[in-house]
Amino acid sequence: MTGTYARSASFTITEARYVGAKVGADLRLLHNYYGKPGLDQIDDYVEEVALLLRDGYLDTVDYGFRDAGSNAWKLRLRYKATIGGQLTDGRPGSLPRAAEISGSGFYSYLTYSQKFHALTGTEKTTVKEALPFPRQGADAPSVLSGTSTAGHGYARNGTGVARDVYVAF
């Protein structure tokens, strides 16, 4: 008895929303621990990740708490888009419960992939207008002394995100 198997080369919005939902679960946990982000914002963050991941336009997206005066992260969850390789599909969670974030506001910072940067200006505008909320240009927050924990990720059909958690000392 023989059989053939053909893997789809496309990454569907359903698969992208699966990955995005796991990012959303992490954000809900942040809300439970620290009171932010607002629950009404999380669905928009999830949809933004899903749309950009589906089309290969996401490079990294960060969520966390930063000191606005120094533009330095106090607690950051970074999700790096990954295609192929050693992808893991873990369970959301395993986040620090007691990071020192006093005086820091919730913040999110996103970078686009090379595929996005190869688009024409009109195509970039079309992509950005399809997202659930607009983002403004800004300098990337810095990381100072702290710890970083990698090795956690979410994936489906060969595409996903690798998560890194940074906590400042």
N, C-alpha and C. Protein backbone atom coordinates (compact mmCIF):
# COMPACT_ATOMS: atom_id res chain seq x y z
N MET A 1 0.84 -1.16 0.00
CA MET A 1 0.00 0.00 0.00
C MET A 1 0.89 1.24 0.00
N THR A 2 0.62 2.16 -0.86
CA THR A 2 1.39 3.39 -0.94
C THR A 2 0.45 4.58 -0.88
N GLY A 3 1.01 5.70 -0.53
CA GLY A 3 0.22 6.93 -0.48
C GLY A 3 1.13 8.11 -0.73
N THR A 4 0.53 9.19 -1.07
CA THR A 4 1.30 10.40 -1.28
C THR A 4 0.78 11.47 -0.34
N TYR A 5 1.64 12.39 -0.05
CA TYR A 5 1.29 13.50 0.82
C TYR A 5 1.82 14.78 0.19
N ALA A 6 0.98 15.74 0.06
CA ALA A 6 1.40 17.03 -0.48
C ALA A 6 1.15 18.10 0.56
N ARG A 7 2.19 18.81 0.95
CA ARG A 7 2.04 19.88 1.91
C ARG A 7 1.73 21.17 1.17
N SER A 8 0.77 21.88 1.67
CA SER A 8 0.39 23.15 1.06
C SER A 8 1.51 24.17 1.25
N ALA A 9 1.80 24.89 0.22
CA ALA A 9 2.84 25.91 0.29
C ALA A 9 2.28 27.22 0.84
N SER A 10 0.97 27.31 0.99
CA SER A 10 0.39 28.55 1.47
C SER A 10 0.15 28.49 2.98
N PHE A 11 0.23 29.63 3.58
CA PHE A 11 -0.04 29.78 5.00
C PHE A 11 -1.33 30.57 5.08
N THR A 12 -2.38 29.95 5.56
CA THR A 12 -3.70 30.55 5.52
C THR A 12 -3.93 31.51 6.68
N ILE A 13 -4.96 32.32 6.55
CA ILE A 13 -5.32 33.24 7.63
C ILE A 13 -5.76 32.45 8.86
N THR A 14 -6.36 31.29 8.67
CA THR A 14 -6.75 30.46 9.81
C THR A 14 -5.53 30.01 10.60
N GLU A 15 -4.50 29.58 9.88
CA GLU A 15 -3.26 29.16 10.55
C GLU A 15 -2.57 30.35 11.21
N ALA A 16 -2.60 31.49 10.55
CA ALA A 16 -1.99 32.70 11.11
C ALA A 16 -2.74 33.15 12.36
N ARG A 17 -4.05 33.01 12.36
CA ARG A 17 -4.84 33.39 13.54
C ARG A 17 -4.62 32.42 14.69
N TYR A 18 -4.33 31.18 14.39
CA TYR A 18 -3.98 30.20 15.42
C TYR A 18 -2.73 30.67 16.16
N VAL A 19 -1.70 31.06 15.39
CA VAL A 19 -0.46 31.56 15.99
C VAL A 19 -0.74 32.87 16.74
N GLY A 20 -1.49 33.76 16.10
CA GLY A 20 -1.82 35.03 16.74
C GLY A 20 -2.59 34.85 18.03
N ALA A 21 -3.46 33.86 18.09
CA ALA A 21 -4.24 33.61 19.31
C ALA A 21 -3.33 33.23 20.47
N LYS A 22 -2.24 32.54 20.18
CA LYS A 22 -1.30 32.18 21.25
C LYS A 22 -0.57 33.42 21.75
N VAL A 23 -0.23 34.32 20.84
CA VAL A 23 0.34 35.61 21.25
C VAL A 23 -0.70 36.34 22.12
N GLY A 24 -1.95 36.30 21.70
CA GLY A 24 -3.03 36.92 22.47
C GLY A 24 -3.17 36.33 23.86
N ALA A 25 -2.97 35.02 24.00
CA ALA A 25 -3.03 34.39 25.32
C ALA A 25 -1.91 34.94 26.21
N ASP A 26 -0.72 35.14 25.66
CA ASP A 26 0.36 35.75 26.43
C ASP A 26 -0.03 37.17 26.86
N LEU A 27 -0.63 37.93 25.95
CA LEU A 27 -1.03 39.30 26.27
C LEU A 27 -2.12 39.32 27.35
N ARG A 28 -3.01 38.36 27.33
CA ARG A 28 -4.04 38.28 28.38
C ARG A 28 -3.38 37.96 29.73
N LEU A 29 -2.36 37.14 29.70
CA LEU A 29 -1.63 36.84 30.93
C LEU A 29 -0.93 38.10 31.45
N LEU A 30 -0.32 38.88 30.54
CA LEU A 30 0.26 40.16 30.95
C LEU A 30 -0.80 41.04 31.60
N HIS A 31 -1.98 41.07 31.00
CA HIS A 31 -3.08 41.86 31.57
C HIS A 31 -3.41 41.37 32.98
N ASN A 32 -3.48 40.06 33.14
CA ASN A 32 -3.80 39.50 34.46
C ASN A 32 -2.73 39.85 35.50
N TYR A 33 -1.47 39.82 35.12
CA TYR A 33 -0.38 40.09 36.05
C TYR A 33 -0.16 41.58 36.32
N TYR A 34 -0.29 42.41 35.26
CA TYR A 34 0.13 43.81 35.36
C TYR A 34 -0.96 44.83 35.02
N GLY A 35 -2.14 44.36 34.60
CA GLY A 35 -3.24 45.28 34.30
C GLY A 35 -3.25 45.87 32.90
N LYS A 36 -2.27 45.57 32.10
CA LYS A 36 -2.17 46.05 30.72
C LYS A 36 -1.63 44.92 29.85
N PRO A 37 -1.89 44.88 28.57
CA PRO A 37 -2.68 45.83 27.78
C PRO A 37 -4.17 45.71 28.10
N GLY A 38 -4.92 46.69 27.66
CA GLY A 38 -6.36 46.63 27.85
C GLY A 38 -6.93 45.44 27.07
N LEU A 39 -7.89 44.79 27.66
CA LEU A 39 -8.50 43.63 27.00
C LEU A 39 -9.08 44.00 25.64
N ASP A 40 -9.55 45.24 25.49
CA ASP A 40 -10.11 45.67 24.21
C ASP A 40 -9.04 45.82 23.13
N GLN A 41 -7.77 45.95 23.52
CA GLN A 41 -6.68 46.09 22.54
C GLN A 41 -6.15 44.74 22.04
N ILE A 42 -6.30 43.72 22.84
CA ILE A 42 -5.65 42.44 22.54
C ILE A 42 -6.12 41.85 21.23
N ASP A 43 -7.41 41.88 20.96
CA ASP A 43 -7.91 41.32 19.69
C ASP A 43 -7.30 42.03 18.49
N ASP A 44 -7.10 43.33 18.60
CA ASP A 44 -6.46 44.07 17.50
C ASP A 44 -5.00 43.66 17.33
N TYR A 45 -4.28 43.47 18.43
CA TYR A 45 -2.89 43.00 18.33
C TYR A 45 -2.82 41.61 17.69
N VAL A 46 -3.75 40.74 18.07
CA VAL A 46 -3.79 39.38 17.51
C VAL A 46 -4.04 39.43 16.01
N GLU A 47 -5.00 40.24 15.59
CA GLU A 47 -5.32 40.33 14.16
C GLU A 47 -4.16 40.94 13.38
N GLU A 48 -3.49 41.93 13.95
CA GLU A 48 -2.33 42.53 13.28
C GLU A 48 -1.25 41.47 13.05
N VAL A 49 -0.94 40.69 14.07
CA VAL A 49 0.06 39.61 13.93
C VAL A 49 -0.37 38.63 12.86
N ALA A 50 -1.63 38.22 12.89
CA ALA A 50 -2.12 37.22 11.93
C ALA A 50 -2.02 37.73 10.49
N LEU A 51 -2.46 38.94 10.24
CA LEU A 51 -2.43 39.47 8.88
C LEU A 51 -1.01 39.61 8.35
N LEU A 52 -0.11 40.15 9.18
CA LEU A 52 1.27 40.34 8.74
C LEU A 52 2.01 39.02 8.61
N LEU A 53 1.76 38.09 9.50
CA LEU A 53 2.41 36.78 9.45
C LEU A 53 1.95 35.99 8.22
N ARG A 54 0.66 36.03 7.95
CA ARG A 54 0.12 35.33 6.79
C ARG A 54 0.81 35.73 5.49
N ASP A 55 1.04 37.02 5.35
CA ASP A 55 1.60 37.54 4.10
C ASP A 55 3.13 37.65 4.10
N GLY A 56 3.75 37.26 5.22
CA GLY A 56 5.20 37.30 5.30
C GLY A 56 5.76 38.70 5.53
N TYR A 57 4.95 39.60 6.08
CA TYR A 57 5.38 40.98 6.27
C TYR A 57 5.85 41.29 7.69
N LEU A 58 5.72 40.35 8.60
CA LEU A 58 6.14 40.57 9.99
C LEU A 58 7.59 40.16 10.17
N ASP A 59 8.38 41.02 10.78
CA ASP A 59 9.72 40.64 11.23
C ASP A 59 9.67 40.40 12.73
N THR A 60 9.50 41.47 13.52
CA THR A 60 9.36 41.30 14.97
C THR A 60 8.22 42.19 15.46
N VAL A 61 7.63 41.78 16.57
CA VAL A 61 6.70 42.64 17.29
C VAL A 61 6.97 42.45 18.77
N ASP A 62 7.07 43.60 19.46
CA ASP A 62 7.35 43.61 20.89
C ASP A 62 6.15 44.15 21.64
N TYR A 63 5.90 43.57 22.82
CA TYR A 63 4.87 44.06 23.73
C TYR A 63 5.49 44.09 25.11
N GLY A 64 5.15 45.10 25.88
CA GLY A 64 5.66 45.11 27.24
C GLY A 64 5.56 46.48 27.87
N PHE A 65 6.45 46.70 28.82
CA PHE A 65 6.43 47.92 29.60
C PHE A 65 7.78 48.61 29.46
N ARG A 66 7.73 49.90 29.14
CA ARG A 66 8.97 50.65 28.95
C ARG A 66 8.90 51.95 29.73
N ASP A 67 10.06 52.41 30.11
CA ASP A 67 10.21 53.71 30.74
C ASP A 67 10.25 54.73 29.61
N ALA A 68 9.26 55.60 29.53
CA ALA A 68 9.17 56.56 28.42
C ALA A 68 10.33 57.56 28.45
N GLY A 69 10.80 57.94 29.63
CA GLY A 69 11.89 58.90 29.74
C GLY A 69 13.18 58.41 29.12
N SER A 70 13.53 57.15 29.39
CA SER A 70 14.77 56.58 28.86
C SER A 70 14.53 55.75 27.60
N ASN A 71 13.27 55.52 27.25
CA ASN A 71 12.89 54.66 26.13
C ASN A 71 13.56 53.29 26.26
N ALA A 72 13.54 52.75 27.49
CA ALA A 72 14.15 51.44 27.76
C ALA A 72 13.08 50.48 28.28
N TRP A 73 13.14 49.26 27.77
CA TRP A 73 12.21 48.22 28.21
C TRP A 73 12.47 47.86 29.67
N LYS A 74 11.40 47.61 30.39
CA LYS A 74 11.46 47.03 31.74
C LYS A 74 11.08 45.55 31.66
N LEU A 75 10.09 45.28 30.81
CA LEU A 75 9.64 43.91 30.53
C LEU A 75 9.21 43.89 29.07
N ARG A 76 9.75 42.95 28.30
CA ARG A 76 9.42 42.90 26.88
C ARG A 76 9.20 41.47 26.44
N LEU A 77 8.11 41.25 25.71
CA LEU A 77 7.88 40.00 25.00
C LEU A 77 8.16 40.30 23.54
N ARG A 78 9.15 39.62 22.95
CA ARG A 78 9.46 39.82 21.53
C ARG A 78 9.08 38.56 20.77
N TYR A 79 8.34 38.75 19.68
CA TYR A 79 7.95 37.66 18.80
C TYR A 79 8.63 37.88 17.46
N LYS A 80 9.44 36.94 17.05
CA LYS A 80 10.18 37.01 15.78
C LYS A 80 9.54 36.03 14.81
N ALA A 81 9.10 36.52 13.66
CA ALA A 81 8.50 35.65 12.65
C ALA A 81 9.55 34.66 12.16
N THR A 82 9.13 33.42 12.02
CA THR A 82 10.03 32.34 11.63
C THR A 82 9.33 31.46 10.60
N ILE A 83 10.08 31.09 9.57
CA ILE A 83 9.55 30.19 8.54
C ILE A 83 10.50 29.01 8.44
N GLY A 84 9.94 27.81 8.53
CA GLY A 84 10.76 26.60 8.42
C GLY A 84 11.66 26.44 9.62
N GLY A 85 12.67 25.62 9.47
CA GLY A 85 13.61 25.39 10.56
C GLY A 85 12.99 24.62 11.71
N GLN A 86 13.55 24.80 12.86
CA GLN A 86 13.07 24.11 14.06
C GLN A 86 12.00 24.93 14.77
N LEU A 87 10.79 24.81 14.31
CA LEU A 87 9.69 25.55 14.92
C LEU A 87 9.06 24.74 16.04
N THR A 88 8.73 25.41 17.11
CA THR A 88 8.02 24.75 18.20
C THR A 88 6.63 25.35 18.29
N ASP A 89 5.71 24.57 18.77
CA ASP A 89 4.36 25.07 19.03
C ASP A 89 4.05 24.77 20.48
N GLY A 90 4.47 25.68 21.33
CA GLY A 90 4.31 25.50 22.76
C GLY A 90 3.02 26.07 23.28
N ARG A 91 2.85 25.91 24.57
CA ARG A 91 1.69 26.48 25.25
C ARG A 91 2.02 27.89 25.67
N PRO A 92 1.06 28.80 25.55
CA PRO A 92 1.30 30.17 26.02
C PRO A 92 1.56 30.17 27.53
N GLY A 93 2.21 31.22 27.97
CA GLY A 93 2.45 31.36 29.41
C GLY A 93 3.91 31.38 29.75
N SER A 94 4.22 30.98 30.97
CA SER A 94 5.59 30.99 31.51
C SER A 94 6.18 32.40 31.44
N LEU A 95 5.40 33.36 31.88
CA LEU A 95 5.84 34.75 31.90
C LEU A 95 6.17 35.17 33.32
N PRO A 96 7.08 36.14 33.48
CA PRO A 96 7.42 36.61 34.81
C PRO A 96 6.23 37.30 35.47
N ARG A 97 6.00 36.98 36.74
CA ARG A 97 4.85 37.54 37.45
C ARG A 97 5.17 38.80 38.24
N ALA A 98 6.42 39.05 38.52
CA ALA A 98 6.75 40.14 39.44
C ALA A 98 7.86 41.05 38.90
N ALA A 99 7.82 41.36 37.63
CA ALA A 99 8.82 42.28 37.08
C ALA A 99 8.57 43.68 37.64
N GLU A 100 9.61 44.44 37.85
CA GLU A 100 9.50 45.80 38.38
C GLU A 100 9.17 46.75 37.22
N ILE A 101 7.90 47.11 37.12
CA ILE A 101 7.46 47.97 36.01
C ILE A 101 6.89 49.29 36.49
N SER A 102 7.03 49.60 37.76
CA SER A 102 6.44 50.84 38.28
C SER A 102 6.97 52.04 37.48
N GLY A 103 6.06 52.94 37.15
CA GLY A 103 6.41 54.12 36.37
C GLY A 103 6.55 53.86 34.88
N SER A 104 6.28 52.63 34.45
CA SER A 104 6.41 52.27 33.04
C SER A 104 5.03 52.06 32.44
N GLY A 105 4.88 52.48 31.19
CA GLY A 105 3.62 52.30 30.50
C GLY A 105 3.70 51.13 29.53
N PHE A 106 2.54 50.58 29.18
CA PHE A 106 2.50 49.51 28.18
C PHE A 106 2.87 50.10 26.83
N TYR A 107 3.62 49.32 26.05
CA TYR A 107 4.10 49.79 24.76
C TYR A 107 4.23 48.61 23.81
N SER A 108 4.08 48.89 22.53
CA SER A 108 4.28 47.88 21.51
C SER A 108 5.09 48.49 20.37
N TYR A 109 6.02 47.70 19.83
CA TYR A 109 6.88 48.16 18.76
C TYR A 109 6.98 47.05 17.71
N LEU A 110 6.80 47.40 16.43
CA LEU A 110 6.76 46.40 15.37
C LEU A 110 7.78 46.74 14.29
N THR A 111 8.42 45.71 13.74
CA THR A 111 9.27 45.90 12.57
C THR A 111 8.76 44.99 11.45
N TYR A 112 8.89 45.48 10.24
CA TYR A 112 8.43 44.75 9.06
C TYR A 112 9.57 43.95 8.45
N SER A 113 9.19 42.91 7.72
CA SER A 113 10.16 42.02 7.07
C SER A 113 10.74 42.65 5.80
N GLN A 114 11.77 42.00 5.29
CA GLN A 114 12.37 42.44 4.01
C GLN A 114 11.34 42.34 2.88
N LYS A 115 10.48 41.33 2.95
CA LYS A 115 9.43 41.18 1.93
C LYS A 115 8.53 42.42 1.91
N PHE A 116 8.19 42.93 3.08
CA PHE A 116 7.37 44.14 3.15
C PHE A 116 8.14 45.33 2.56
N HIS A 117 9.41 45.47 2.94
CA HIS A 117 10.20 46.61 2.47
C HIS A 117 10.44 46.56 0.95
N ALA A 118 10.27 45.39 0.33
CA ALA A 118 10.42 45.27 -1.12
C ALA A 118 9.17 45.74 -1.88
N LEU A 119 8.08 45.98 -1.16
CA LEU A 119 6.84 46.44 -1.80
C LEU A 119 6.99 47.89 -2.27
N THR A 120 6.13 48.27 -3.20
CA THR A 120 6.08 49.67 -3.62
C THR A 120 5.43 50.49 -2.50
N GLY A 121 5.56 51.79 -2.57
CA GLY A 121 4.94 52.66 -1.58
C GLY A 121 3.43 52.47 -1.50
N THR A 122 2.80 52.32 -2.65
CA THR A 122 1.35 52.11 -2.69
C THR A 122 0.97 50.79 -2.05
N GLU A 123 1.75 49.74 -2.33
CA GLU A 123 1.47 48.42 -1.73
C GLU A 123 1.65 48.46 -0.22
N LYS A 124 2.67 49.15 0.25
CA LYS A 124 2.88 49.27 1.70
C LYS A 124 1.70 49.98 2.35
N THR A 125 1.22 51.05 1.71
CA THR A 125 0.08 51.78 2.24
C THR A 125 -1.15 50.89 2.31
N THR A 126 -1.38 50.09 1.27
CA THR A 126 -2.52 49.18 1.24
C THR A 126 -2.44 48.17 2.38
N VAL A 127 -1.26 47.60 2.61
CA VAL A 127 -1.07 46.64 3.70
C VAL A 127 -1.38 47.31 5.03
N LYS A 128 -0.80 48.47 5.27
CA LYS A 128 -0.98 49.16 6.54
C LYS A 128 -2.43 49.56 6.77
N GLU A 129 -3.13 49.96 5.72
CA GLU A 129 -4.53 50.36 5.86
C GLU A 129 -5.44 49.18 6.17
N ALA A 130 -5.02 47.96 5.84
CA ALA A 130 -5.82 46.77 6.13
C ALA A 130 -5.65 46.29 7.57
N LEU A 131 -4.69 46.86 8.29
CA LEU A 131 -4.44 46.45 9.68
C LEU A 131 -5.48 47.08 10.60
N PRO A 132 -5.71 46.48 11.77
CA PRO A 132 -6.77 46.96 12.65
C PRO A 132 -6.54 48.32 13.31
N PHE A 133 -5.30 48.80 13.33
CA PHE A 133 -5.02 50.12 13.89
C PHE A 133 -3.72 50.64 13.26
N PRO A 134 -3.58 51.97 13.22
CA PRO A 134 -2.35 52.54 12.63
C PRO A 134 -1.21 52.54 13.65
N ARG A 135 -0.01 52.41 13.17
CA ARG A 135 1.20 52.54 13.99
C ARG A 135 1.95 53.78 13.51
N GLN A 136 2.56 54.46 14.45
CA GLN A 136 3.35 55.65 14.15
C GLN A 136 4.82 55.28 14.19
N GLY A 137 5.63 55.93 13.38
CA GLY A 137 7.07 55.70 13.41
C GLY A 137 7.65 56.14 14.75
N ALA A 138 8.62 55.41 15.24
CA ALA A 138 9.26 55.73 16.52
C ALA A 138 10.60 55.02 16.60
N ASP A 139 11.45 55.51 17.50
CA ASP A 139 12.71 54.83 17.76
C ASP A 139 12.45 53.57 18.57
N ALA A 140 13.19 52.52 18.27
CA ALA A 140 13.04 51.27 19.00
C ALA A 140 13.50 51.46 20.44
N PRO A 141 12.71 50.99 21.41
CA PRO A 141 13.18 51.04 22.79
C PRO A 141 14.44 50.18 22.96
N SER A 142 15.27 50.58 23.91
CA SER A 142 16.53 49.86 24.15
C SER A 142 16.35 48.85 25.28
N VAL A 143 17.32 47.97 25.39
CA VAL A 143 17.39 47.06 26.52
C VAL A 143 18.67 47.40 27.28
N LEU A 144 18.57 47.40 28.58
CA LEU A 144 19.72 47.68 29.41
C LEU A 144 20.14 46.37 30.08
N SER A 145 20.64 46.43 31.28
CA SER A 145 21.01 45.21 31.99
C SER A 145 19.75 44.43 32.35
N GLY A 146 19.79 43.15 32.09
CA GLY A 146 18.63 42.32 32.38
C GLY A 146 18.87 40.90 31.95
N THR A 147 17.80 40.12 31.98
CA THR A 147 17.87 38.73 31.54
C THR A 147 16.94 38.52 30.37
N SER A 148 17.32 37.59 29.53
CA SER A 148 16.52 37.27 28.36
C SER A 148 16.34 35.76 28.30
N THR A 149 15.12 35.33 28.07
CA THR A 149 14.81 33.91 28.00
C THR A 149 14.16 33.61 26.66
N ALA A 150 14.80 32.75 25.88
CA ALA A 150 14.28 32.36 24.56
C ALA A 150 13.87 30.88 24.61
N GLY A 151 13.51 30.37 23.46
CA GLY A 151 13.20 28.95 23.35
C GLY A 151 11.74 28.60 23.38
N HIS A 152 10.89 29.60 23.33
CA HIS A 152 9.44 29.36 23.34
C HIS A 152 8.89 29.87 22.02
N GLY A 153 7.94 29.17 21.44
CA GLY A 153 7.38 29.64 20.20
C GLY A 153 6.03 29.02 19.89
N TYR A 154 5.41 29.56 18.86
CA TYR A 154 4.10 29.11 18.40
C TYR A 154 4.16 28.97 16.89
N ALA A 155 3.64 27.87 16.36
CA ALA A 155 3.75 27.64 14.92
C ALA A 155 2.60 26.79 14.40
N ARG A 156 2.42 26.90 13.09
CA ARG A 156 1.45 26.08 12.38
C ARG A 156 1.90 26.02 10.92
N ASN A 157 1.92 24.83 10.34
CA ASN A 157 2.21 24.61 8.92
C ASN A 157 3.51 25.28 8.48
N GLY A 158 4.55 25.17 9.31
CA GLY A 158 5.87 25.65 8.91
C GLY A 158 6.13 27.12 9.10
N THR A 159 5.19 27.85 9.70
CA THR A 159 5.37 29.28 9.94
C THR A 159 4.93 29.58 11.37
N GLY A 160 5.63 30.51 11.98
CA GLY A 160 5.25 30.86 13.35
C GLY A 160 6.08 32.00 13.89
N VAL A 161 6.13 32.06 15.21
CA VAL A 161 6.91 33.08 15.90
C VAL A 161 7.71 32.41 17.00
N ALA A 162 8.92 32.91 17.19
CA ALA A 162 9.76 32.52 18.32
C ALA A 162 9.67 33.64 19.34
N ARG A 163 9.45 33.28 20.61
CA ARG A 163 9.27 34.30 21.65
C ARG A 163 10.53 34.41 22.51
N ASP A 164 10.88 35.63 22.83
CA ASP A 164 11.96 35.95 23.75
C ASP A 164 11.38 36.88 24.82
N VAL A 165 11.67 36.60 26.08
CA VAL A 165 11.18 37.44 27.18
C VAL A 165 12.38 38.12 27.84
N TYR A 166 12.35 39.44 27.87
CA TYR A 166 13.42 40.24 28.50
C TYR A 166 12.86 40.90 29.75
N VAL A 167 13.61 40.83 30.84
CA VAL A 167 13.26 41.51 32.09
C VAL A 167 14.49 42.31 32.53
N ALA A 168 14.30 43.61 32.74
CA ALA A 168 15.40 44.47 33.20
C ALA A 168 15.71 44.20 34.67
N PHE A 169 16.97 44.40 35.04
CA PHE A 169 17.36 44.30 36.46
C PHE A 169 16.88 45.50 37.20
